[in-house]
Amino acid sequence: MSVPRRYRPLVVVLYAAFAGLLLASYAAPLQEILERHAEIPALEEKVHEAEVHNAAQERLIEELNTPAGIERAARERYGMIKPGEKVYIVPDKDGE
């Protein structure tokens, strides 16, 4: 089925308008995809930092599950001593 000659310019314009609308509808999602793609390296860096932090926390958990680790934490964090031990307090350079 052929389009009459006098309607051909109208058909070309309609097809061009349809193609333009179709391309315009892809512009916003494509821009969003490109923006999200640019965020990937920063997010990968955050994931890497979180993995390093988690590994350090896991090592700390493993250490605190041992008697020596518990003793070290009690001495460092809470200033605890064993019965009969003497504590010496060394002042800072500021005299405090």
N, C-alpha and C. Protein backbone atom coordinates (compact mmCIF):
# COMPACT_ATOMS: atom_id res chain seq x y z
N MET A 1 0.84 -1.17 0.00
CA MET A 1 0.00 0.00 0.00
C MET A 1 0.89 1.24 0.00
N SER A 2 0.72 2.03 -0.99
CA SER A 2 1.56 3.21 -1.19
C SER A 2 0.82 4.46 -0.73
N VAL A 3 1.59 5.39 -0.19
CA VAL A 3 1.03 6.66 0.26
C VAL A 3 0.95 7.59 -0.96
N PRO A 4 -0.19 8.27 -1.12
CA PRO A 4 -0.27 9.20 -2.26
C PRO A 4 0.85 10.24 -2.19
N ARG A 5 1.25 10.71 -3.30
CA ARG A 5 2.37 11.62 -3.44
C ARG A 5 2.19 12.89 -2.62
N ARG A 6 1.02 13.40 -2.53
CA ARG A 6 0.81 14.66 -1.83
C ARG A 6 0.93 14.51 -0.31
N TYR A 7 0.81 13.26 0.23
CA TYR A 7 0.92 13.03 1.67
C TYR A 7 2.33 12.60 2.11
N ARG A 8 3.21 12.37 1.19
CA ARG A 8 4.56 11.90 1.53
C ARG A 8 5.31 12.87 2.43
N PRO A 9 5.31 14.17 2.18
CA PRO A 9 6.02 15.07 3.11
C PRO A 9 5.43 15.02 4.52
N LEU A 10 4.12 14.87 4.61
CA LEU A 10 3.47 14.76 5.93
C LEU A 10 3.91 13.48 6.64
N VAL A 11 3.99 12.39 5.91
CA VAL A 11 4.42 11.11 6.49
C VAL A 11 5.87 11.21 6.96
N VAL A 12 6.72 11.86 6.17
CA VAL A 12 8.13 12.03 6.56
C VAL A 12 8.22 12.86 7.83
N VAL A 13 7.46 13.93 7.92
CA VAL A 13 7.46 14.79 9.10
C VAL A 13 6.95 14.01 10.31
N LEU A 14 5.90 13.22 10.13
CA LEU A 14 5.37 12.42 11.25
C LEU A 14 6.40 11.39 11.73
N TYR A 15 7.04 10.73 10.79
CA TYR A 15 8.08 9.77 11.18
C TYR A 15 9.23 10.47 11.90
N ALA A 16 9.64 11.63 11.41
CA ALA A 16 10.71 12.38 12.05
C ALA A 16 10.30 12.82 13.45
N ALA A 17 9.06 13.27 13.60
CA ALA A 17 8.57 13.68 14.92
C ALA A 17 8.55 12.49 15.87
N PHE A 18 8.10 11.34 15.38
CA PHE A 18 8.07 10.14 16.21
C PHE A 18 9.48 9.74 16.63
N ALA A 19 10.41 9.79 15.68
CA ALA A 19 11.80 9.43 15.99
C ALA A 19 12.38 10.43 17.00
N GLY A 20 12.06 11.70 16.83
CA GLY A 20 12.53 12.71 17.78
C GLY A 20 11.98 12.49 19.17
N LEU A 21 10.71 12.18 19.28
CA LEU A 21 10.11 11.90 20.60
C LEU A 21 10.72 10.65 21.22
N LEU A 22 10.96 9.67 20.39
CA LEU A 22 11.57 8.44 20.89
C LEU A 22 12.97 8.71 21.44
N LEU A 23 13.77 9.48 20.71
CA LEU A 23 15.10 9.82 21.19
C LEU A 23 15.04 10.69 22.44
N ALA A 24 14.11 11.62 22.48
CA ALA A 24 13.98 12.50 23.65
C ALA A 24 13.58 11.69 24.89
N SER A 25 12.80 10.64 24.70
CA SER A 25 12.39 9.83 25.85
C SER A 25 13.56 9.02 26.41
N TYR A 26 14.60 8.79 25.60
CA TYR A 26 15.77 8.06 26.07
C TYR A 26 16.83 8.98 26.66
N ALA A 27 16.72 10.28 26.48
CA ALA A 27 17.77 11.20 26.92
C ALA A 27 17.89 11.24 28.44
N ALA A 28 16.80 11.39 29.17
CA ALA A 28 16.87 11.48 30.64
C ALA A 28 17.37 10.17 31.27
N PRO A 29 16.83 9.02 30.89
CA PRO A 29 17.37 7.79 31.49
C PRO A 29 18.84 7.55 31.14
N LEU A 30 19.22 7.91 29.93
CA LEU A 30 20.62 7.74 29.54
C LEU A 30 21.52 8.64 30.37
N GLN A 31 21.09 9.87 30.61
CA GLN A 31 21.89 10.78 31.43
C GLN A 31 22.01 10.24 32.86
N GLU A 32 20.94 9.69 33.39
CA GLU A 32 20.97 9.12 34.75
C GLU A 32 21.92 7.92 34.81
N ILE A 33 21.88 7.11 33.78
CA ILE A 33 22.79 5.96 33.73
C ILE A 33 24.24 6.42 33.72
N LEU A 34 24.54 7.44 32.95
CA LEU A 34 25.91 7.95 32.89
C LEU A 34 26.34 8.56 34.22
N GLU A 35 25.42 9.26 34.90
CA GLU A 35 25.75 9.82 36.21
C GLU A 35 26.01 8.72 37.22
N ARG A 36 25.18 7.70 37.22
CA ARG A 36 25.36 6.57 38.15
C ARG A 36 26.67 5.84 37.85
N HIS A 37 26.99 5.73 36.58
CA HIS A 37 28.23 5.06 36.19
C HIS A 37 29.44 5.83 36.73
N ALA A 38 29.34 7.15 36.78
CA ALA A 38 30.45 7.96 37.29
C ALA A 38 30.62 7.78 38.80
N GLU A 39 29.58 7.36 39.51
CA GLU A 39 29.65 7.18 40.95
C GLU A 39 30.30 5.85 41.35
N ILE A 40 30.44 4.95 40.43
CA ILE A 40 30.93 3.60 40.74
C ILE A 40 32.30 3.60 41.42
N PRO A 41 33.31 4.33 40.93
CA PRO A 41 34.62 4.28 41.61
C PRO A 41 34.56 4.74 43.07
N ALA A 42 33.81 5.79 43.36
CA ALA A 42 33.71 6.26 44.74
C ALA A 42 33.02 5.21 45.61
N LEU A 43 32.01 4.57 45.09
CA LEU A 43 31.31 3.54 45.87
C LEU A 43 32.20 2.31 46.07
N GLU A 44 32.99 1.97 45.06
CA GLU A 44 33.91 0.84 45.22
C GLU A 44 34.95 1.15 46.30
N GLU A 45 35.40 2.40 46.35
CA GLU A 45 36.36 2.80 47.39
C GLU A 45 35.74 2.69 48.77
N LYS A 46 34.47 3.09 48.90
CA LYS A 46 33.79 2.97 50.19
C LYS A 46 33.65 1.51 50.60
N VAL A 47 33.34 0.66 49.64
CA VAL A 47 33.22 -0.77 49.93
C VAL A 47 34.56 -1.32 50.40
N HIS A 48 35.63 -0.92 49.73
CA HIS A 48 36.97 -1.38 50.12
C HIS A 48 37.30 -0.93 51.54
N GLU A 49 37.01 0.34 51.86
CA GLU A 49 37.27 0.84 53.21
C GLU A 49 36.46 0.07 54.25
N ALA A 50 35.22 -0.24 53.93
CA ALA A 50 34.37 -0.99 54.86
C ALA A 50 34.91 -2.41 55.05
N GLU A 51 35.40 -3.02 53.98
CA GLU A 51 35.97 -4.37 54.09
C GLU A 51 37.22 -4.36 54.97
N VAL A 52 38.07 -3.34 54.81
CA VAL A 52 39.27 -3.23 55.64
C VAL A 52 38.89 -3.04 57.10
N HIS A 53 37.91 -2.17 57.34
CA HIS A 53 37.44 -1.92 58.72
C HIS A 53 36.85 -3.21 59.32
N ASN A 54 36.05 -3.93 58.53
CA ASN A 54 35.47 -5.18 59.02
C ASN A 54 36.53 -6.21 59.34
N ALA A 55 37.57 -6.29 58.52
CA ALA A 55 38.65 -7.25 58.78
C ALA A 55 39.35 -6.90 60.08
N ALA A 56 39.58 -5.60 60.32
CA ALA A 56 40.22 -5.18 61.57
C ALA A 56 39.34 -5.51 62.77
N GLN A 57 38.05 -5.30 62.63
CA GLN A 57 37.12 -5.61 63.73
C GLN A 57 37.07 -7.12 63.99
N GLU A 58 37.13 -7.91 62.93
CA GLU A 58 37.13 -9.37 63.11
C GLU A 58 38.39 -9.83 63.83
N ARG A 59 39.54 -9.22 63.49
CA ARG A 59 40.79 -9.56 64.20
C ARG A 59 40.68 -9.19 65.68
N LEU A 60 40.07 -8.04 65.97
CA LEU A 60 39.89 -7.61 67.35
C LEU A 60 38.97 -8.58 68.10
N ILE A 61 37.92 -9.01 67.46
CA ILE A 61 37.00 -9.98 68.08
C ILE A 61 37.73 -11.28 68.40
N GLU A 62 38.52 -11.76 67.43
CA GLU A 62 39.27 -12.99 67.65
C GLU A 62 40.25 -12.83 68.81
N GLU A 63 40.90 -11.66 68.87
CA GLU A 63 41.86 -11.42 69.94
C GLU A 63 41.16 -11.35 71.31
N LEU A 64 39.99 -10.71 71.34
CA LEU A 64 39.29 -10.57 72.61
C LEU A 64 38.63 -11.88 73.07
N ASN A 65 38.61 -12.88 72.22
CA ASN A 65 38.08 -14.18 72.61
C ASN A 65 39.14 -15.06 73.27
N THR A 66 40.33 -14.51 73.49
CA THR A 66 41.39 -15.25 74.17
C THR A 66 41.60 -14.64 75.56
N PRO A 67 42.07 -15.42 76.52
CA PRO A 67 42.33 -14.88 77.86
C PRO A 67 43.35 -13.74 77.84
N ALA A 68 44.39 -13.86 77.02
CA ALA A 68 45.40 -12.80 76.95
C ALA A 68 44.80 -11.52 76.37
N GLY A 69 43.92 -11.65 75.41
CA GLY A 69 43.29 -10.48 74.83
C GLY A 69 42.36 -9.79 75.81
N ILE A 70 41.64 -10.57 76.58
CA ILE A 70 40.76 -10.00 77.60
C ILE A 70 41.58 -9.26 78.64
N GLU A 71 42.68 -9.86 79.07
CA GLU A 71 43.54 -9.22 80.07
C GLU A 71 44.12 -7.91 79.54
N ARG A 72 44.60 -7.94 78.31
CA ARG A 72 45.16 -6.72 77.72
C ARG A 72 44.12 -5.61 77.65
N ALA A 73 42.91 -5.96 77.21
CA ALA A 73 41.84 -4.96 77.11
C ALA A 73 41.48 -4.41 78.49
N ALA A 74 41.42 -5.28 79.48
CA ALA A 74 41.08 -4.84 80.84
C ALA A 74 42.15 -3.89 81.38
N ARG A 75 43.41 -4.17 81.09
CA ARG A 75 44.49 -3.30 81.57
C ARG A 75 44.50 -1.96 80.82
N GLU A 76 44.38 -2.01 79.50
CA GLU A 76 44.49 -0.79 78.70
C GLU A 76 43.26 0.10 78.82
N ARG A 77 42.09 -0.50 78.72
CA ARG A 77 40.86 0.30 78.68
C ARG A 77 40.34 0.69 80.05
N TYR A 78 40.50 -0.21 81.01
CA TYR A 78 39.86 0.02 82.31
C TYR A 78 40.84 0.21 83.44
N GLY A 79 42.15 0.14 83.15
CA GLY A 79 43.16 0.37 84.18
C GLY A 79 43.17 -0.69 85.26
N MET A 80 42.73 -1.87 84.96
CA MET A 80 42.68 -2.94 85.96
C MET A 80 44.07 -3.54 86.17
N ILE A 81 44.30 -4.03 87.39
CA ILE A 81 45.56 -4.67 87.73
C ILE A 81 45.27 -5.96 88.47
N LYS A 82 46.27 -6.82 88.50
CA LYS A 82 46.12 -8.07 89.26
C LYS A 82 46.42 -7.78 90.72
N PRO A 83 45.86 -8.58 91.62
CA PRO A 83 46.16 -8.38 93.04
C PRO A 83 47.65 -8.49 93.29
N GLY A 84 48.19 -7.53 94.06
CA GLY A 84 49.60 -7.53 94.42
C GLY A 84 50.48 -6.76 93.45
N GLU A 85 49.96 -6.34 92.30
CA GLU A 85 50.77 -5.56 91.37
C GLU A 85 50.80 -4.10 91.82
N LYS A 86 51.89 -3.44 91.49
CA LYS A 86 52.02 -2.02 91.80
C LYS A 86 51.85 -1.23 90.50
N VAL A 87 51.20 -0.10 90.61
CA VAL A 87 50.96 0.76 89.45
C VAL A 87 51.82 2.00 89.59
N TYR A 88 52.55 2.31 88.54
CA TYR A 88 53.34 3.53 88.50
C TYR A 88 52.74 4.44 87.43
N ILE A 89 52.48 5.66 87.81
CA ILE A 89 51.92 6.63 86.87
C ILE A 89 53.02 7.59 86.47
N VAL A 90 53.31 7.60 85.20
CA VAL A 90 54.37 8.46 84.66
C VAL A 90 53.68 9.70 84.08
N PRO A 91 54.04 10.90 84.55
CA PRO A 91 53.39 12.10 84.02
C PRO A 91 53.82 12.36 82.58
N ASP A 92 52.95 13.06 81.87
CA ASP A 92 53.24 13.45 80.48
C ASP A 92 54.33 14.52 80.47
N LYS A 93 54.76 14.89 79.30
CA LYS A 93 55.76 15.95 79.16
C LYS A 93 55.22 17.27 79.69
N ASP A 94 53.92 17.47 79.62
CA ASP A 94 53.29 18.70 80.09
C ASP A 94 53.20 18.75 81.59
N GLY A 95 53.49 17.66 82.27
CA GLY A 95 53.42 17.61 83.72
C GLY A 95 52.03 17.22 84.22
N GLU A 96 51.19 16.81 83.34
CA GLU A 96 49.83 16.44 83.75
C GLU A 96 49.73 14.97 84.04
